[in-house]
Amino acid sequence: MGQAGNPQQNEGKRVTKRPYVLATVMLAMFMGAVEGTIISTAMPAIVGDLGGFALYSWVFSAYLLMNAVTVLIYGKLSDLFGRKPILTFGIIVFLIGSILCGTAETMEMLILYRFIQGFGAGAVMPIATTIVGDIYTREERAKIQGYLSSVWGISAVSGPALGGLIVEYASWRYVFWINVPLGILAIAGLWLYLHENIEKKKQQIDYPGAILLTAAISSLMIVLVEAGTNWAWTSPKTIGLIALSVLAFIFFIFQERRAAEPMMPFNIWRERSIFIANMTSLTTGVMLIGISSFLPAFVQGVMERSPIVAGFTLTAMSIGWPIAAAVAGRLLLRIGYRTTSLFGGASLIFGSILFVTLTPEAGPLWAAAGSFFVGVGMGLTSTAFIVSIQSTVAWQQRGIATAANMFMRNLGNTVGAALLGGVLNSSIISYMKRNGASDQDFSIDTANVLLNEADRMKLPIELKTVLQDALTNALHSVYIVVLVFAVISMLFILFMPKKEETAE
């Protein structure tokens, strides 16, 4: 099977049944992926029931924070103890968090339980992807990664619809409880069909490294989520957390250099293909959040279309991504990682140009076309990167190498949300001031009125026009930044090695 150094041997009676393992992995990934989209639809009902609108964003942030913090740790633990026990642990914690979320009586309780859910979810994506890297050869991986990418597309399309049906005909609590049967099936499939022969030896876990990494990442993530919105960038809280993050990261680097089994082996970053893949994942993560966060606001608030139409413009990305990922599987074997990634980078730039040239008159189809081409770019690049990374390192580092790439995209999402949110807010304020509005007449929250059709209809025509122009101008600025990141992504891809080295 071309897996030298891989303890995943097919010996004796304990043979790994690859099609069943693939189905199990896709089920686990679907459970994790759909959680992001299904809860978006349920949130208005949850807030209506529990109250606490001020904490709305923390329901999402709590999950994403724990996911980002733990992803690297789970990746390393799976290299030490095998994929199956670590993924099983992650799914169990995720299910406990899901059951608790469904019993929440207050918004604070829900946020606490979302932390638990995110703590488990950090294991699902990287280890599921790593298992595919273990049981398939390099040639097969390219095609199979296309199947895994399709899970994202399916969850993006089905999640909102499923969430809407559950909220309308049952209770929002079932949005969380629906995970339980899926998780139990995934655990059963893992233990029935995946067999690993892990070398029995006393493992040296890098506990100080794990603690320092958690402190560095979590303090950085909290700053990126809160600063600029709930806290000032110059507030003592923000400065204190940034200082903690920097110090923890410096100590983490010292610790990793002397640890026997480092939580983050820096030697993998010395591989040019891995370094380029990770840096490009950071920049594309910024692009992704910029489009998915702000495009619906433009379609609903400025184009005055329904939430369903706004959703359609984003769904186009979820269609382009899996199609391109499936095509990438074939392209990788014919033209290599670099050329496939270059096609992806070109598609990202083209999609971003469509967003920069988007006007209210262009209509939702123009927005959907931009989404589609960005999705194609993401499908081509992400598939090429994962297959390249998994082919470059041996089994013993495949888990952490895969997790590091996913972490960089998570970091890009969080950085992008803070950076582009700041660009949007400052653009709206400067536009309103240029048009003679005083701070008392307008605030950023005034733009929220545009997203509610009934409130929008009550606005005086002059006020509505100024608000829509301010939002159009601000989103244009956001999409110029998105285009800049698309160009940076392309520049990184140009530095990918032309000749691929494999560690199979």
Protein backbone atom coordinates (compact mmCIF):
# COMPACT_ATOMS: atom_id res chain seq x y z
CA MET A 1 0.00 0.00 0.00
CA GLY A 2 3.03 2.31 -0.20
CA GLN A 3 3.05 3.15 3.52
CA ALA A 4 6.62 2.67 4.65
CA GLY A 5 7.05 3.42 8.32
CA ASN A 6 3.30 3.26 8.80
CA PRO A 7 2.09 1.03 11.65
CA GLN A 8 -1.19 0.68 9.79
CA GLN A 9 -0.28 -2.78 8.47
CA ASN A 10 -2.82 -5.12 6.96
CA GLU A 11 -1.82 -8.35 8.66
CA GLY A 12 -3.56 -11.44 9.92
CA LYS A 13 -7.28 -11.30 10.55
CA ARG A 14 -7.38 -7.63 11.56
CA VAL A 15 -7.65 -6.12 8.10
CA THR A 16 -8.69 -2.48 7.73
CA LYS A 17 -11.78 -2.32 5.50
CA ARG A 18 -11.00 0.85 3.61
CA PRO A 19 -14.42 1.66 2.04
CA TYR A 20 -16.12 1.32 5.46
CA VAL A 21 -13.41 3.40 7.16
CA LEU A 22 -13.83 6.09 4.47
CA ALA A 23 -17.61 6.13 5.05
CA THR A 24 -17.00 6.39 8.83
CA VAL A 25 -14.50 9.24 8.39
CA MET A 26 -16.91 11.12 6.10
CA LEU A 27 -19.71 10.68 8.67
CA ALA A 28 -17.50 12.07 11.46
CA MET A 29 -16.47 15.01 9.24
CA PHE A 30 -20.10 15.70 8.29
CA MET A 31 -21.05 15.78 11.98
CA GLY A 32 -18.33 18.39 12.65
CA ALA A 33 -18.92 20.42 9.46
CA VAL A 34 -22.72 20.63 9.67
CA GLU A 35 -22.49 21.95 13.25
CA GLY A 36 -21.27 25.31 11.92
CA THR A 37 -24.10 25.80 9.42
CA ILE A 38 -27.03 24.18 11.24
CA ILE A 39 -26.67 26.39 14.35
CA SER A 40 -26.68 29.60 12.27
CA THR A 41 -30.28 28.90 11.26
CA ALA A 42 -31.28 27.98 14.82
CA MET A 43 -29.70 31.00 16.56
CA PRO A 44 -32.70 33.37 16.27
CA ALA A 45 -34.90 30.69 17.94
CA ILE A 46 -32.23 30.04 20.61
CA VAL A 47 -31.95 33.76 21.45
CA GLY A 48 -35.75 34.02 21.47
CA ASP A 49 -35.91 31.23 24.05
CA LEU A 50 -32.84 31.90 26.22
CA GLY A 51 -32.37 35.66 25.74
CA GLY A 52 -28.83 37.09 25.96
CA PHE A 53 -28.53 38.68 22.51
CA ALA A 54 -25.37 40.50 23.65
CA LEU A 55 -23.63 37.09 23.91
CA TYR A 56 -24.77 36.01 20.41
CA SER A 57 -21.30 35.96 18.84
CA TRP A 58 -19.78 34.00 21.73
CA VAL A 59 -21.94 30.97 20.89
CA PHE A 60 -19.86 30.73 17.68
CA SER A 61 -16.58 32.04 19.12
CA ALA A 62 -16.50 29.56 22.04
CA TYR A 63 -16.70 26.60 19.64
CA LEU A 64 -14.16 28.02 17.18
CA LEU A 65 -11.71 29.01 19.93
CA MET A 66 -11.53 25.54 21.48
CA ASN A 67 -11.40 23.96 18.03
CA ALA A 68 -8.42 26.12 17.04
CA VAL A 69 -6.61 25.65 20.36
CA THR A 70 -6.87 21.84 20.42
CA VAL A 71 -6.37 20.93 16.76
CA LEU A 72 -2.55 20.86 16.96
CA ILE A 73 -2.53 18.93 20.25
CA TYR A 74 -4.85 16.22 18.90
CA GLY A 75 -2.74 15.98 15.73
CA LYS A 76 0.39 15.28 17.77
CA LEU A 77 -1.36 12.83 20.15
CA SER A 78 -2.63 10.84 17.15
CA ASP A 79 0.99 10.47 15.99
CA LEU A 80 1.93 9.11 19.43
CA PHE A 81 -1.05 6.88 20.28
CA GLY A 82 -2.69 6.16 16.91
CA ARG A 83 -5.64 7.77 15.17
CA LYS A 84 -8.44 5.56 16.50
CA PRO A 85 -8.25 6.22 20.29
CA ILE A 86 -7.70 9.97 19.89
CA LEU A 87 -10.51 10.42 17.35
CA THR A 88 -12.83 8.32 19.55
CA PHE A 89 -12.00 10.52 22.56
CA GLY A 90 -12.69 13.66 20.51
CA ILE A 91 -16.07 12.38 19.26
CA ILE A 92 -17.12 11.34 22.81
CA VAL A 93 -16.27 14.81 24.20
CA PHE A 94 -18.08 16.41 21.22
CA LEU A 95 -21.19 14.29 21.95
CA ILE A 96 -21.13 15.14 25.68
CA GLY A 97 -20.94 18.83 24.71
CA SER A 98 -23.80 18.37 22.20
CA ILE A 99 -26.07 16.69 24.79
CA LEU A 100 -25.32 19.46 27.31
CA CYS A 101 -25.94 22.21 24.69
CA GLY A 102 -29.41 20.74 24.14
CA THR A 103 -30.18 21.04 27.87
CA ALA A 104 -28.94 24.66 28.28
CA GLU A 105 -31.30 26.94 30.21
CA THR A 106 -29.35 30.19 29.82
CA MET A 107 -27.08 31.70 27.17
CA GLU A 108 -24.10 31.50 29.58
CA MET A 109 -24.67 27.74 30.03
CA LEU A 110 -24.91 27.29 26.25
CA ILE A 111 -21.58 29.10 25.73
CA LEU A 112 -19.88 26.92 28.39
CA TYR A 113 -21.22 23.75 26.73
CA ARG A 114 -20.09 25.04 23.32
CA PHE A 115 -16.54 25.23 24.75
CA ILE A 116 -16.85 21.51 25.63
CA GLN A 117 -18.25 20.73 22.17
CA GLY A 118 -15.38 22.62 20.50
CA PHE A 119 -12.85 20.82 22.71
CA GLY A 120 -13.98 17.53 21.15
CA ALA A 121 -14.44 18.92 17.63
CA GLY A 122 -10.74 19.81 17.43
CA ALA A 123 -9.96 16.11 16.96
CA VAL A 124 -12.48 15.36 14.23
CA MET A 125 -11.28 17.21 11.12
CA PRO A 126 -7.49 16.73 11.30
CA ILE A 127 -7.53 13.09 12.39
CA ALA A 128 -10.28 12.08 9.95
CA THR A 129 -8.20 13.61 7.13
CA THR A 130 -5.02 11.97 8.47
CA ILE A 131 -6.65 8.51 8.52
CA VAL A 132 -7.27 8.85 4.78
CA GLY A 133 -3.58 9.74 4.35
CA ASP A 134 -2.68 6.55 6.25
CA ILE A 135 -4.82 3.97 4.49
CA TYR A 136 -4.54 5.20 0.89
CA THR A 137 -1.50 5.55 -1.37
CA ARG A 138 -0.43 8.92 -2.78
CA GLU A 139 -2.21 8.25 -6.09
CA GLU A 140 -5.43 7.23 -4.29
CA ARG A 141 -5.30 10.09 -1.78
CA ALA A 142 -5.74 12.69 -4.50
CA LYS A 143 -9.12 11.21 -5.52
CA ILE A 144 -10.27 10.46 -1.96
CA GLN A 145 -9.56 14.02 -0.75
CA GLY A 146 -12.14 15.10 -3.33
CA TYR A 147 -14.73 12.92 -1.55
CA LEU A 148 -13.80 14.48 1.80
CA SER A 149 -14.18 18.00 0.36
CA SER A 150 -17.67 17.08 -0.86
CA VAL A 151 -18.65 16.66 2.81
CA TRP A 152 -18.18 20.43 3.25
CA GLY A 153 -20.36 21.16 0.24
CA ILE A 154 -23.13 18.80 1.41
CA SER A 155 -23.06 20.21 4.96
CA ALA A 156 -23.13 23.81 3.69
CA VAL A 157 -26.21 23.10 1.56
CA SER A 158 -28.07 20.74 3.90
CA GLY A 159 -27.18 22.39 7.25
CA PRO A 160 -29.35 25.53 6.97
CA ALA A 161 -32.30 23.55 5.52
CA LEU A 162 -32.03 20.89 8.23
CA GLY A 163 -31.72 23.54 10.94
CA GLY A 164 -34.79 25.35 9.63
CA LEU A 165 -36.88 22.15 9.59
CA ILE A 166 -35.79 21.15 13.12
CA VAL A 167 -36.55 24.60 14.54
CA GLU A 168 -39.91 24.80 12.78
CA TYR A 169 -41.24 21.29 13.49
CA ALA A 170 -39.42 20.24 16.69
CA SER A 171 -37.19 22.28 19.02
CA TRP A 172 -33.84 24.05 18.58
CA ARG A 173 -32.46 21.57 21.16
CA TYR A 174 -32.56 18.78 18.55
CA VAL A 175 -30.05 20.77 16.46
CA PHE A 176 -27.49 19.56 19.02
CA TRP A 177 -28.99 16.18 19.86
CA ILE A 178 -28.99 15.09 16.19
CA ASN A 179 -25.22 14.65 16.60
CA VAL A 180 -25.61 11.74 19.05
CA PRO A 181 -26.67 8.96 16.61
CA LEU A 182 -24.14 10.22 14.02
CA GLY A 183 -21.32 10.16 16.57
CA ILE A 184 -22.20 6.69 17.89
CA LEU A 185 -22.24 5.33 14.31
CA ALA A 186 -18.85 6.93 13.60
CA ILE A 187 -17.27 5.42 16.76
CA ALA A 188 -18.73 1.98 15.94
CA GLY A 189 -17.35 2.17 12.37
CA LEU A 190 -13.89 3.16 13.63
CA TRP A 191 -13.60 0.25 16.06
CA LEU A 192 -15.10 -2.32 13.70
CA TYR A 193 -13.19 -1.49 10.53
CA LEU A 194 -9.98 0.47 11.33
CA HIS A 195 -7.09 -1.59 12.72
CA GLU A 196 -3.79 -0.05 13.73
CA ASN A 197 -0.69 -1.83 15.03
CA ILE A 198 0.89 0.88 17.14
CA GLU A 199 4.36 0.21 18.45
CA LYS A 200 4.07 -0.46 22.21
CA LYS A 201 6.47 1.89 23.96
CA LYS A 202 6.30 4.44 26.74
CA GLN A 203 5.38 7.71 25.05
CA GLN A 204 6.83 10.98 26.30
CA ILE A 205 4.04 13.53 26.14
CA ASP A 206 5.15 17.16 25.92
CA TYR A 207 2.81 18.50 28.65
CA PRO A 208 4.64 21.86 29.10
CA GLY A 209 4.50 22.36 25.31
CA ALA A 210 0.76 21.62 25.23
CA ILE A 211 0.06 24.07 28.10
CA LEU A 212 2.19 26.85 26.57
CA LEU A 213 0.65 26.31 23.11
CA THR A 214 -2.87 26.47 24.60
CA ALA A 215 -2.03 29.69 26.49
CA ALA A 216 -0.44 31.31 23.39
CA ILE A 217 -3.24 30.42 20.97
CA SER A 218 -6.24 30.97 23.26
CA SER A 219 -5.07 34.44 24.42
CA LEU A 220 -4.37 35.44 20.79
CA MET A 221 -7.75 34.13 19.61
CA ILE A 222 -9.65 35.95 22.40
CA VAL A 223 -7.94 39.23 21.40
CA LEU A 224 -8.83 38.70 17.73
CA VAL A 225 -12.48 37.91 18.59
CA GLU A 226 -13.05 40.66 21.18
CA ALA A 227 -10.67 43.56 20.40
CA GLY A 228 -12.09 46.22 18.13
CA THR A 229 -15.66 45.15 18.91
CA ASN A 230 -16.17 44.73 22.67
CA TRP A 231 -12.76 45.99 23.81
CA ALA A 232 -10.56 48.82 22.55
CA TRP A 233 -7.27 47.71 20.94
CA THR A 234 -5.45 49.87 23.51
CA SER A 235 -7.36 48.56 26.57
CA PRO A 236 -5.42 46.85 29.42
CA LYS A 237 -7.25 43.55 28.68
CA THR A 238 -6.12 43.55 25.03
CA ILE A 239 -2.52 44.55 25.76
CA GLY A 240 -2.29 42.03 28.63
CA LEU A 241 -3.54 39.15 26.50
CA ILE A 242 -1.24 40.06 23.58
CA ALA A 243 1.70 40.13 26.01
CA LEU A 244 0.66 36.74 27.45
CA SER A 245 0.38 35.28 23.93
CA VAL A 246 3.84 36.53 22.88
CA LEU A 247 5.51 35.32 26.10
CA ALA A 248 3.82 31.92 25.98
CA PHE A 249 4.85 31.52 22.33
CA ILE A 250 8.50 32.40 23.07
CA PHE A 251 8.60 29.86 25.94
CA PHE A 252 6.85 27.34 23.68
CA ILE A 253 9.64 27.63 21.06
CA PHE A 254 12.32 27.05 23.76
CA GLN A 255 10.37 24.08 25.12
CA GLU A 256 9.91 22.48 21.67
CA ARG A 257 13.62 22.67 20.93
CA ARG A 258 14.49 20.54 23.95
CA ALA A 259 11.46 18.18 24.13
CA ALA A 260 11.99 14.51 23.18
CA GLU A 261 8.56 14.39 21.47
CA PRO A 262 7.78 18.06 20.67
CA MET A 263 4.12 19.06 20.37
CA MET A 264 5.07 20.97 17.19
CA PRO A 265 8.16 19.53 15.45
CA PHE A 266 9.62 22.61 13.73
CA ASN A 267 11.49 20.45 11.23
CA ILE A 268 8.26 19.96 9.24
CA TRP A 269 8.11 23.74 8.66
CA ARG A 270 11.55 23.55 7.04
CA GLU A 271 10.01 21.57 4.18
CA ARG A 272 9.33 24.26 1.59
CA SER A 273 6.14 22.61 0.29
CA ILE A 274 4.68 22.44 3.84
CA PHE A 275 5.68 26.01 4.71
CA ILE A 276 4.11 27.36 1.50
CA ALA A 277 0.94 25.25 1.96
CA ASN A 278 0.51 26.50 5.55
CA MET A 279 1.12 30.17 4.74
CA THR A 280 -1.29 30.01 1.79
CA SER A 281 -3.90 28.35 4.03
CA LEU A 282 -3.53 31.35 6.38
CA THR A 283 -4.17 33.86 3.56
CA THR A 284 -7.06 31.87 2.03
CA GLY A 285 -8.58 31.58 5.53
CA VAL A 286 -8.73 35.39 5.67
CA MET A 287 -10.43 35.46 2.24
CA LEU A 288 -12.94 32.79 3.20
CA ILE A 289 -14.22 34.60 6.30
CA GLY A 290 -14.37 37.92 4.41
CA ILE A 291 -16.72 36.52 1.81
CA SER A 292 -18.87 34.27 4.00
CA SER A 293 -19.30 36.93 6.74
CA PHE A 294 -20.09 40.00 4.69
CA LEU A 295 -21.62 38.90 1.37
CA PRO A 296 -25.11 38.14 2.81
CA ALA A 297 -25.18 41.66 4.36
CA PHE A 298 -24.59 43.19 0.91
CA VAL A 299 -27.19 41.03 -0.88
CA GLN A 300 -29.86 41.63 1.80
CA GLY A 301 -29.04 45.19 2.87
CA VAL A 302 -28.06 46.84 -0.43
CA MET A 303 -29.53 44.63 -3.18
CA GLU A 304 -32.65 44.25 -0.98
CA ARG A 305 -32.99 40.54 -1.70
CA SER A 306 -34.35 37.87 0.64
CA PRO A 307 -32.19 35.82 3.07
CA ILE A 308 -32.76 32.79 0.78
CA VAL A 309 -31.19 34.64 -2.18
CA ALA A 310 -28.32 35.78 0.08
CA GLY A 311 -27.82 32.16 1.11
CA PHE A 312 -27.77 31.10 -2.54
CA THR A 313 -24.86 33.45 -3.31
CA LEU A 314 -22.81 31.68 -0.61
CA THR A 315 -24.01 28.19 -1.58
CA ALA A 316 -22.34 28.76 -4.98
CA MET A 317 -18.99 28.57 -3.14
CA SER A 318 -20.05 25.26 -1.54
CA ILE A 319 -20.83 23.91 -5.01
CA GLY A 320 -17.56 25.09 -6.61
CA TRP A 321 -15.38 23.75 -3.78
CA PRO A 322 -16.25 19.99 -3.93
CA ILE A 323 -16.41 19.99 -7.75
CA ALA A 324 -12.92 21.51 -7.93
CA ALA A 325 -11.64 19.15 -5.21
CA ALA A 326 -12.82 16.14 -7.22
CA VAL A 327 -11.17 17.54 -10.39
CA ALA A 328 -8.00 18.32 -8.39
CA GLY A 329 -7.69 14.62 -7.57
CA ARG A 330 -7.19 13.88 -11.28
CA LEU A 331 -5.12 16.99 -12.02
CA LEU A 332 -2.61 16.25 -9.23
CA LEU A 333 -1.56 12.99 -10.85
CA ARG A 334 -1.28 14.55 -14.33
CA ILE A 335 0.22 18.00 -13.77
CA GLY A 336 1.47 17.91 -10.13
CA TYR A 337 0.77 19.90 -6.96
CA ARG A 338 2.29 23.19 -8.06
CA THR A 339 0.43 23.57 -11.37
CA THR A 340 -2.88 22.45 -9.78
CA SER A 341 -2.34 25.04 -7.01
CA LEU A 342 -1.53 27.73 -9.61
CA PHE A 343 -4.89 27.09 -11.32
CA GLY A 344 -6.49 27.40 -7.88
CA GLY A 345 -4.64 30.65 -7.14
CA ALA A 346 -5.77 32.12 -10.49
CA SER A 347 -9.39 31.17 -9.69
CA LEU A 348 -9.13 32.87 -6.27
CA ILE A 349 -7.90 36.08 -7.94
CA PHE A 350 -10.63 35.97 -10.61
CA GLY A 351 -13.35 35.41 -7.98
CA SER A 352 -11.97 38.27 -5.87
CA ILE A 353 -11.99 40.60 -8.91
CA LEU A 354 -15.68 39.78 -9.41
CA PHE A 355 -16.31 40.85 -5.79
CA VAL A 356 -14.31 44.09 -6.18
CA THR A 357 -16.40 44.95 -9.26
CA LEU A 358 -19.69 43.95 -7.57
CA THR A 359 -22.32 46.72 -7.62
CA PRO A 360 -25.92 46.79 -6.34
CA GLU A 361 -27.08 46.78 -10.00
CA ALA A 362 -25.03 43.68 -10.88
CA GLY A 363 -27.46 41.50 -8.96
CA PRO A 364 -27.02 38.29 -6.93
CA LEU A 365 -25.87 36.21 -9.93
CA TRP A 366 -22.66 38.30 -10.15
CA ALA A 367 -22.10 37.72 -6.40
CA ALA A 368 -22.78 33.98 -6.83
CA ALA A 369 -20.25 33.82 -9.71
CA GLY A 370 -17.59 35.40 -7.48
CA SER A 371 -18.42 32.87 -4.75
CA PHE A 372 -18.24 29.97 -7.20
CA PHE A 373 -14.77 30.89 -8.50
CA VAL A 374 -13.42 31.42 -4.97
CA GLY A 375 -14.86 27.98 -4.11
CA VAL A 376 -13.10 26.48 -7.14
CA GLY A 377 -9.84 28.10 -6.02
CA MET A 378 -10.26 26.75 -2.47
CA GLY A 379 -11.07 23.25 -3.77
CA LEU A 380 -7.99 23.10 -6.02
CA THR A 381 -5.52 24.56 -3.51
CA SER A 382 -6.71 22.82 -0.32
CA THR A 383 -6.75 19.38 -1.96
CA ALA A 384 -3.28 19.90 -3.47
CA PHE A 385 -1.92 21.10 -0.11
CA ILE A 386 -3.27 18.22 1.99
CA VAL A 387 -2.10 15.52 -0.46
CA SER A 388 1.30 17.26 -0.79
CA ILE A 389 1.76 17.52 2.99
CA GLN A 390 0.73 13.92 3.65
CA SER A 391 3.11 12.68 0.94
CA THR A 392 6.03 14.76 2.23
CA VAL A 393 6.11 13.46 5.83
CA ALA A 394 6.26 9.95 7.31
CA TRP A 395 3.40 8.36 9.32
CA GLN A 396 4.94 9.51 12.62
CA GLN A 397 4.43 13.19 11.71
CA ARG A 398 1.41 13.01 9.40
CA GLY A 399 -1.11 13.84 12.14
CA ILE A 400 0.62 17.01 13.34
CA ALA A 401 1.47 18.09 9.76
CA THR A 402 -2.19 17.78 8.68
CA ALA A 403 -3.39 19.51 11.87
CA ALA A 404 -0.92 22.39 11.41
CA ASN A 405 -2.38 23.13 7.97
CA MET A 406 -5.93 23.16 9.34
CA PHE A 407 -4.84 25.33 12.26
CA MET A 408 -3.38 27.92 9.87
CA ARG A 409 -6.69 28.17 8.03
CA ASN A 410 -8.54 28.53 11.39
CA LEU A 411 -6.08 31.27 12.36
CA GLY A 412 -6.69 32.95 8.99
CA ASN A 413 -10.45 32.87 9.66
CA THR A 414 -10.03 34.52 13.06
CA VAL A 415 -7.48 37.10 11.88
CA GLY A 416 -9.71 37.82 8.88
CA ALA A 417 -12.83 38.33 11.01
CA ALA A 418 -10.98 40.91 13.16
CA LEU A 419 -9.11 42.61 10.29
CA LEU A 420 -11.99 42.81 7.80
CA GLY A 421 -14.52 43.69 10.51
CA GLY A 422 -12.28 46.64 11.40
CA VAL A 423 -12.01 47.68 7.73
CA LEU A 424 -15.83 47.50 7.37
CA ASN A 425 -16.54 49.53 10.54
CA SER A 426 -13.99 52.28 9.85
CA SER A 427 -15.15 52.57 6.20
CA ILE A 428 -18.79 53.00 7.24
CA ILE A 429 -17.93 55.67 9.84
CA SER A 430 -15.62 57.63 7.48
CA TYR A 431 -18.21 57.53 4.66
CA MET A 432 -20.96 58.83 6.96
CA LYS A 433 -18.74 61.65 8.24
CA ARG A 434 -17.79 62.61 4.66
CA ASN A 435 -21.50 62.90 3.91
CA GLY A 436 -22.17 65.29 6.78
CA ALA A 437 -23.56 62.84 9.33
CA SER A 438 -22.80 63.45 12.99
CA ASP A 439 -21.85 60.68 15.41
CA GLN A 440 -25.25 61.12 17.10
CA ASP A 441 -27.17 60.46 13.87
CA PHE A 442 -25.30 57.37 12.79
CA SER A 443 -23.45 54.46 14.23
CA ILE A 444 -22.36 51.13 12.77
CA ASP A 445 -25.42 49.54 14.39
CA THR A 446 -27.64 51.80 12.24
CA ALA A 447 -26.59 49.65 9.28
CA ASN A 448 -28.30 46.68 10.97
CA VAL A 449 -31.64 48.28 10.03
CA LEU A 450 -30.90 47.50 6.36
CA LEU A 451 -30.94 43.76 7.08
CA ASN A 452 -34.53 43.81 8.34
CA GLU A 453 -36.98 44.32 5.49
CA ALA A 454 -39.75 45.81 7.67
CA ASP A 455 -37.37 48.30 9.33
CA ARG A 456 -35.75 49.13 5.99
CA MET A 457 -39.13 50.07 4.47
CA LYS A 458 -39.76 52.56 7.30
CA LEU A 459 -36.52 54.50 6.64
CA PRO A 460 -36.72 57.88 4.88
CA ILE A 461 -35.42 57.45 1.30
CA GLU A 462 -32.46 59.82 1.83
CA LEU A 463 -31.35 58.02 5.00
CA LYS A 464 -31.74 54.60 3.36
CA THR A 465 -29.68 55.74 0.34
CA VAL A 466 -26.84 57.07 2.52
CA LEU A 467 -26.81 53.90 4.59
CA GLN A 468 -26.79 51.64 1.52
CA ASP A 469 -24.06 53.72 -0.12
CA ALA A 470 -22.00 53.55 3.10
CA LEU A 471 -22.37 49.75 3.25
CA THR A 472 -21.56 49.41 -0.48
CA ASN A 473 -18.46 51.57 -0.08
CA ALA A 474 -17.34 49.67 3.05
CA LEU A 475 -17.82 46.24 1.47
CA HIS A 476 -15.89 47.43 -1.60
CA SER A 477 -12.97 48.21 0.76
CA VAL A 478 -13.31 44.74 2.34
CA TYR A 479 -13.20 43.05 -1.07
CA ILE A 480 -10.13 45.04 -2.12
CA VAL A 481 -8.40 43.56 0.97
CA VAL A 482 -9.72 40.09 -0.03
CA LEU A 483 -8.20 40.60 -3.52
CA VAL A 484 -4.87 41.61 -1.95
CA PHE A 485 -4.88 38.34 0.03
CA ALA A 486 -5.72 36.41 -3.16
CA VAL A 487 -2.65 37.95 -4.85
CA ILE A 488 -0.49 37.12 -1.78
CA SER A 489 -1.78 33.52 -1.96
CA MET A 490 -0.75 33.34 -5.62
CA LEU A 491 2.73 34.69 -4.81
CA PHE A 492 3.18 31.98 -2.15
CA ILE A 493 2.04 29.27 -4.60
CA LEU A 494 4.66 30.47 -7.14
CA PHE A 495 7.33 29.50 -4.58
CA MET A 496 6.09 25.91 -4.29
CA PRO A 497 8.81 23.44 -5.34
CA LYS A 498 8.45 22.24 -8.94
CA LYS A 499 9.61 18.72 -8.05
CA GLU A 500 7.67 16.83 -5.37
CA GLU A 501 9.45 14.78 -2.75
CA THR A 502 7.55 12.00 -1.06
CA ALA A 503 7.98 10.17 2.22
CA GLU A 504 5.88 7.13 1.53
